[in-house]
Protein backbone atom coordinates (compact mmCIF):
# COMPACT_ATOMS: atom_id res chain seq x y z
CA MET A 1 0.04 0.18 0.72
CA ASP A 2 1.27 3.34 -0.50
CA LEU A 3 0.57 6.02 1.34
CA PRO A 4 -2.16 7.64 -0.03
CA LYS A 5 -3.85 4.83 0.64
CA ILE A 6 -2.57 3.97 4.72
CA ALA A 7 -3.92 7.97 5.71
CA LEU A 8 -7.36 7.24 4.04
CA VAL A 9 -7.92 4.07 6.81
CA LEU A 10 -5.99 6.19 9.14
CA MET A 11 -8.14 8.92 8.63
CA LEU A 12 -11.32 6.65 8.36
CA LEU A 13 -11.09 4.89 11.86
CA ALA A 14 -10.80 7.91 13.40
CA VAL A 15 -13.38 9.18 12.53
CA VAL A 16 -15.02 5.66 13.82
CA VAL A 17 -12.80 5.82 17.33
CA ALA A 18 -14.22 9.21 17.32
CA LEU A 19 -17.96 8.19 16.67
CA PHE A 20 -17.34 5.07 19.83
CA SER A 21 -16.14 7.83 22.03
CA GLY A 22 -19.86 10.01 21.43
CA LEU A 23 -21.61 7.32 21.57
CA PHE A 24 -20.11 6.26 24.43
CA PHE A 25 -19.95 9.31 26.47
CA MET A 26 -23.76 9.71 25.66
CA LEU A 27 -25.20 5.88 27.42
CA LYS A 28 -21.96 6.57 29.92
CA ASP A 29 -20.71 9.97 30.97
CA GLY A 30 -23.59 11.98 33.57
CA SER A 31 -21.95 15.32 34.02
CA ASP A 32 -22.88 17.99 32.37
CA LYS A 33 -19.98 17.62 30.21
CA ARG A 34 -19.74 18.47 26.35
CA ARG A 35 -17.71 15.69 25.68
CA THR A 36 -19.98 14.11 23.55
CA VAL A 37 -20.84 16.99 21.65
CA ARG A 38 -17.19 17.65 21.03
CA ALA A 39 -16.63 14.11 20.46
CA LEU A 40 -19.06 14.38 16.92
CA SER A 41 -18.21 17.39 16.73
CA TRP A 42 -14.80 15.97 15.95
CA ARG A 43 -16.12 13.34 14.09
CA VAL A 44 -17.50 16.07 11.60
CA GLY A 45 -14.38 17.53 10.95
CA LEU A 46 -12.31 14.61 10.49
CA GLN A 47 -15.04 13.21 7.70
CA ALA A 48 -14.95 16.79 6.50
CA ALA A 49 -11.65 16.28 5.28
CA LEU A 50 -12.09 12.52 5.14
CA ILE A 51 -14.03 13.28 1.84
CA GLY A 52 -11.86 16.90 0.96
CA PHE A 53 -8.72 14.28 0.76
CA LEU A 54 -10.47 11.70 -1.31
CA VAL A 55 -11.53 14.21 -4.19
CA LEU A 56 -7.10 15.85 -3.38
CA ALA A 57 -6.38 12.34 -3.78
CA TYR A 58 -8.72 11.59 -7.44
CA PHE A 59 -7.33 14.53 -9.20
CA MET A 60 -3.84 14.39 -8.31
CA GLY A 61 -3.93 10.20 -9.71
CA TRP A 62 -3.42 8.80 -6.60
CA ILE A 63 -6.26 6.46 -5.90
CA GLN A 64 -8.60 5.28 -9.07
CA PRO A 65 -12.57 4.26 -9.46
CA HIS A 66 -12.34 0.89 -10.12
CA SER A 67 -14.69 -0.56 -12.28
CA VAL A 68 -17.38 -3.44 -10.75
CA GLY A 69 -19.86 -5.07 -12.57
CA LYS A 70 -18.47 -4.28 -16.30
């Protein structure tokens, strides 16, 4: 695997970790802190960065779509 694909996988894992940390804080955190909102805000920001990186990687030629079903 080359570097852009590794970066994509790491960014996707970061999004999943932020999502599950938000779920954990929502279910287990009884205090009035805004940790759930912060964790989900991180997830939204990471997801936007992931989409931007996907677009950049496509236009730079680092990733190519495949022809599934053709």
